[in-house]
Amino acid sequence: MARLRALKGAEFDRAFLRHEIDFHQAVIDAINGTLLPAIQNDELKALVEKIAPAFHAHMVMAQQMEKTLAGGTAGDQTSSR
């Protein structure tokens, strides 16, 4: 985050979006690989399964914005990593 504070303009935008993409991917990985398999309570598991797609949607939006800033097409939803 200290790096982001030092950036301005388009450089900040690109770094912020990359940070958000990486963060959302880490959350998705943790939900799918650690949290969901460990949840014992059916009600809690159902809630996590219901809200988990929002993290993916946010990541896709950030990826689209990143591609737009880079001059790519916003319609391609595949990860650039």
N, C-alpha and C. Protein backbone atom coordinates (compact mmCIF):
# COMPACT_ATOMS: atom_id res chain seq x y z
N MET A 1 0.81 -1.20 0.00
CA MET A 1 0.00 0.00 0.00
C MET A 1 0.85 1.26 0.00
N ALA A 2 2.03 1.18 0.60
CA ALA A 2 2.91 2.35 0.60
C ALA A 2 3.29 2.73 -0.82
N ARG A 3 3.47 1.73 -1.68
CA ARG A 3 3.80 2.00 -3.07
C ARG A 3 2.67 2.78 -3.74
N LEU A 4 1.43 2.41 -3.46
CA LEU A 4 0.29 3.10 -4.07
C LEU A 4 0.24 4.57 -3.67
N ARG A 5 0.59 4.86 -2.44
CA ARG A 5 0.55 6.25 -1.97
C ARG A 5 1.50 7.15 -2.75
N ALA A 6 2.57 6.57 -3.27
CA ALA A 6 3.57 7.36 -4.00
C ALA A 6 3.21 7.57 -5.47
N LEU A 7 2.22 6.85 -5.96
CA LEU A 7 1.87 6.92 -7.38
C LEU A 7 0.79 7.94 -7.66
N LYS A 8 0.75 8.40 -8.89
CA LYS A 8 -0.25 9.40 -9.31
C LYS A 8 -0.79 9.02 -10.69
N GLY A 9 -1.98 9.50 -11.00
CA GLY A 9 -2.56 9.38 -12.33
C GLY A 9 -2.72 7.95 -12.80
N ALA A 10 -2.41 7.73 -14.08
CA ALA A 10 -2.60 6.43 -14.71
C ALA A 10 -1.72 5.36 -14.07
N GLU A 11 -0.55 5.75 -13.60
CA GLU A 11 0.33 4.79 -12.92
C GLU A 11 -0.34 4.26 -11.65
N PHE A 12 -0.99 5.15 -10.90
CA PHE A 12 -1.74 4.73 -9.72
C PHE A 12 -2.89 3.82 -10.12
N ASP A 13 -3.63 4.21 -11.15
CA ASP A 13 -4.78 3.42 -11.59
C ASP A 13 -4.37 1.99 -11.92
N ARG A 14 -3.30 1.84 -12.68
CA ARG A 14 -2.84 0.50 -13.06
C ARG A 14 -2.40 -0.31 -11.85
N ALA A 15 -1.65 0.29 -10.95
CA ALA A 15 -1.17 -0.42 -9.76
C ALA A 15 -2.33 -0.78 -8.83
N PHE A 16 -3.28 0.13 -8.69
CA PHE A 16 -4.44 -0.14 -7.84
C PHE A 16 -5.25 -1.30 -8.40
N LEU A 17 -5.50 -1.30 -9.69
CA LEU A 17 -6.27 -2.38 -10.29
C LEU A 17 -5.55 -3.71 -10.17
N ARG A 18 -4.23 -3.72 -10.36
CA ARG A 18 -3.47 -4.96 -10.21
C ARG A 18 -3.57 -5.46 -8.77
N HIS A 19 -3.48 -4.55 -7.81
CA HIS A 19 -3.62 -4.91 -6.40
C HIS A 19 -4.99 -5.53 -6.14
N GLU A 20 -6.04 -4.92 -6.67
CA GLU A 20 -7.40 -5.42 -6.46
C GLU A 20 -7.60 -6.79 -7.10
N ILE A 21 -7.05 -6.98 -8.29
CA ILE A 21 -7.16 -8.29 -8.96
C ILE A 21 -6.47 -9.36 -8.13
N ASP A 22 -5.25 -9.08 -7.70
CA ASP A 22 -4.50 -10.05 -6.90
C ASP A 22 -5.20 -10.34 -5.57
N PHE A 23 -5.75 -9.29 -4.93
CA PHE A 23 -6.45 -9.47 -3.66
C PHE A 23 -7.68 -10.34 -3.84
N HIS A 24 -8.49 -10.03 -4.85
CA HIS A 24 -9.70 -10.81 -5.07
C HIS A 24 -9.38 -12.27 -5.42
N GLN A 25 -8.31 -12.49 -6.19
CA GLN A 25 -7.93 -13.86 -6.50
C GLN A 25 -7.50 -14.60 -5.24
N ALA A 26 -6.79 -13.94 -4.35
CA ALA A 26 -6.38 -14.57 -3.08
C ALA A 26 -7.60 -14.92 -2.23
N VAL A 27 -8.60 -14.03 -2.21
CA VAL A 27 -9.82 -14.31 -1.43
C VAL A 27 -10.56 -15.50 -2.04
N ILE A 28 -10.69 -15.52 -3.36
CA ILE A 28 -11.37 -16.63 -4.04
C ILE A 28 -10.66 -17.95 -3.74
N ASP A 29 -9.33 -17.94 -3.82
CA ASP A 29 -8.55 -19.15 -3.53
C ASP A 29 -8.76 -19.61 -2.09
N ALA A 30 -8.78 -18.66 -1.16
CA ALA A 30 -8.98 -19.01 0.26
C ALA A 30 -10.39 -19.55 0.50
N ILE A 31 -11.38 -18.94 -0.13
CA ILE A 31 -12.75 -19.42 0.03
C ILE A 31 -12.87 -20.85 -0.49
N ASN A 32 -12.39 -21.07 -1.71
CA ASN A 32 -12.55 -22.39 -2.33
C ASN A 32 -11.64 -23.46 -1.76
N GLY A 33 -10.43 -23.08 -1.39
CA GLY A 33 -9.45 -24.06 -0.95
C GLY A 33 -9.42 -24.33 0.54
N THR A 34 -9.84 -23.34 1.33
CA THR A 34 -9.72 -23.47 2.78
C THR A 34 -11.06 -23.32 3.49
N LEU A 35 -11.73 -22.22 3.24
CA LEU A 35 -12.94 -21.91 4.00
C LEU A 35 -14.08 -22.87 3.72
N LEU A 36 -14.50 -23.00 2.47
CA LEU A 36 -15.65 -23.86 2.17
C LEU A 36 -15.44 -25.31 2.60
N PRO A 37 -14.28 -25.90 2.33
CA PRO A 37 -14.11 -27.29 2.77
C PRO A 37 -14.15 -27.46 4.29
N ALA A 38 -13.85 -26.41 5.04
CA ALA A 38 -13.78 -26.53 6.50
C ALA A 38 -15.09 -26.19 7.21
N ILE A 39 -16.01 -25.54 6.53
CA ILE A 39 -17.26 -25.12 7.19
C ILE A 39 -18.12 -26.33 7.50
N GLN A 40 -18.51 -26.43 8.76
CA GLN A 40 -19.34 -27.53 9.22
C GLN A 40 -20.83 -27.16 9.24
N ASN A 41 -21.10 -25.88 9.47
CA ASN A 41 -22.48 -25.41 9.60
C ASN A 41 -23.09 -25.19 8.21
N ASP A 42 -24.19 -25.89 7.93
CA ASP A 42 -24.82 -25.82 6.61
C ASP A 42 -25.31 -24.42 6.27
N GLU A 43 -25.85 -23.71 7.26
CA GLU A 43 -26.36 -22.36 7.03
C GLU A 43 -25.23 -21.40 6.67
N LEU A 44 -24.13 -21.49 7.39
CA LEU A 44 -22.97 -20.65 7.11
C LEU A 44 -22.38 -20.98 5.74
N LYS A 45 -22.28 -22.27 5.44
CA LYS A 45 -21.74 -22.69 4.15
C LYS A 45 -22.60 -22.16 3.00
N ALA A 46 -23.91 -22.21 3.17
CA ALA A 46 -24.82 -21.70 2.14
C ALA A 46 -24.62 -20.20 1.95
N LEU A 47 -24.41 -19.48 3.03
CA LEU A 47 -24.19 -18.03 2.94
C LEU A 47 -22.89 -17.73 2.20
N VAL A 48 -21.83 -18.42 2.53
CA VAL A 48 -20.54 -18.21 1.87
C VAL A 48 -20.66 -18.56 0.39
N GLU A 49 -21.34 -19.64 0.07
CA GLU A 49 -21.52 -20.02 -1.34
C GLU A 49 -22.34 -18.98 -2.09
N LYS A 50 -23.25 -18.32 -1.39
CA LYS A 50 -24.09 -17.31 -2.02
C LYS A 50 -23.31 -16.03 -2.32
N ILE A 51 -22.44 -15.63 -1.40
CA ILE A 51 -21.72 -14.35 -1.59
C ILE A 51 -20.39 -14.51 -2.32
N ALA A 52 -19.85 -15.71 -2.40
CA ALA A 52 -18.55 -15.93 -3.04
C ALA A 52 -18.51 -15.45 -4.49
N PRO A 53 -19.55 -15.63 -5.28
CA PRO A 53 -19.49 -15.15 -6.68
C PRO A 53 -19.27 -13.64 -6.81
N ALA A 54 -19.63 -12.88 -5.79
CA ALA A 54 -19.41 -11.43 -5.84
C ALA A 54 -17.92 -11.12 -5.93
N PHE A 55 -17.08 -11.90 -5.27
CA PHE A 55 -15.63 -11.67 -5.35
C PHE A 55 -15.14 -11.90 -6.78
N HIS A 56 -15.66 -12.93 -7.42
CA HIS A 56 -15.27 -13.19 -8.80
C HIS A 56 -15.75 -12.06 -9.71
N ALA A 57 -16.97 -11.61 -9.52
CA ALA A 57 -17.50 -10.52 -10.35
C ALA A 57 -16.68 -9.25 -10.19
N HIS A 58 -16.28 -8.94 -8.96
CA HIS A 58 -15.46 -7.75 -8.72
C HIS A 58 -14.09 -7.89 -9.40
N MET A 59 -13.53 -9.10 -9.34
CA MET A 59 -12.24 -9.33 -9.96
C MET A 59 -12.34 -9.17 -11.48
N VAL A 60 -13.40 -9.70 -12.07
CA VAL A 60 -13.59 -9.58 -13.51
C VAL A 60 -13.73 -8.11 -13.91
N MET A 61 -14.46 -7.34 -13.12
CA MET A 61 -14.61 -5.91 -13.42
C MET A 61 -13.24 -5.21 -13.38
N ALA A 62 -12.44 -5.54 -12.39
CA ALA A 62 -11.11 -4.94 -12.28
C ALA A 62 -10.23 -5.36 -13.45
N GLN A 63 -10.34 -6.63 -13.88
CA GLN A 63 -9.58 -7.10 -15.04
C GLN A 63 -9.99 -6.34 -16.30
N GLN A 64 -11.28 -6.12 -16.46
CA GLN A 64 -11.77 -5.39 -17.63
C GLN A 64 -11.25 -3.95 -17.62
N MET A 65 -11.28 -3.33 -16.45
CA MET A 65 -10.77 -1.96 -16.34
C MET A 65 -9.27 -1.92 -16.63
N GLU A 66 -8.55 -2.90 -16.14
CA GLU A 66 -7.11 -2.97 -16.38
C GLU A 66 -6.82 -3.08 -17.88
N LYS A 67 -7.58 -3.92 -18.57
CA LYS A 67 -7.39 -4.06 -20.01
C LYS A 67 -7.75 -2.79 -20.75
N THR A 68 -8.79 -2.11 -20.30
CA THR A 68 -9.17 -0.84 -20.92
C THR A 68 -8.05 0.18 -20.77
N LEU A 69 -7.46 0.26 -19.59
CA LEU A 69 -6.34 1.19 -19.38
C LEU A 69 -5.14 0.83 -20.24
N ALA A 70 -4.97 -0.46 -20.48
CA ALA A 70 -3.83 -0.91 -21.28
C ALA A 70 -4.11 -0.84 -22.78
N GLY A 71 -5.34 -0.44 -23.13
CA GLY A 71 -5.69 -0.33 -24.54
C GLY A 71 -6.27 -1.61 -25.12
N GLY A 72 -6.55 -2.59 -24.25
CA GLY A 72 -7.15 -3.84 -24.71
C GLY A 72 -8.65 -3.73 -24.80
N THR A 73 -9.31 -4.85 -25.02
CA THR A 73 -10.77 -4.85 -25.11
C THR A 73 -11.35 -5.22 -23.76
N ALA A 74 -12.40 -4.54 -23.35
CA ALA A 74 -13.01 -4.77 -22.05
C ALA A 74 -13.88 -6.01 -22.04
N GLY A 75 -14.26 -6.55 -23.17
CA GLY A 75 -15.18 -7.68 -23.21
C GLY A 75 -14.53 -9.01 -22.90
N ASP A 76 -13.22 -9.13 -22.98
CA ASP A 76 -12.53 -10.37 -22.71
C ASP A 76 -12.37 -10.55 -21.22
N GLN A 77 -12.96 -11.62 -20.66
CA GLN A 77 -12.97 -11.78 -19.21
C GLN A 77 -11.94 -12.78 -18.73
N THR A 78 -10.99 -13.18 -19.55
CA THR A 78 -9.97 -14.10 -19.09
C THR A 78 -8.87 -13.37 -18.37
N SER A 79 -8.29 -14.03 -17.43
CA SER A 79 -7.21 -13.42 -16.65
C SER A 79 -5.97 -13.27 -17.51
N SER A 80 -5.24 -12.20 -17.26
CA SER A 80 -4.01 -11.96 -17.99
C SER A 80 -2.83 -12.61 -17.30
N ARG A 81 -3.05 -13.36 -16.24
CA ARG A 81 -1.96 -14.00 -15.49
C ARG A 81 -1.84 -15.44 -15.85
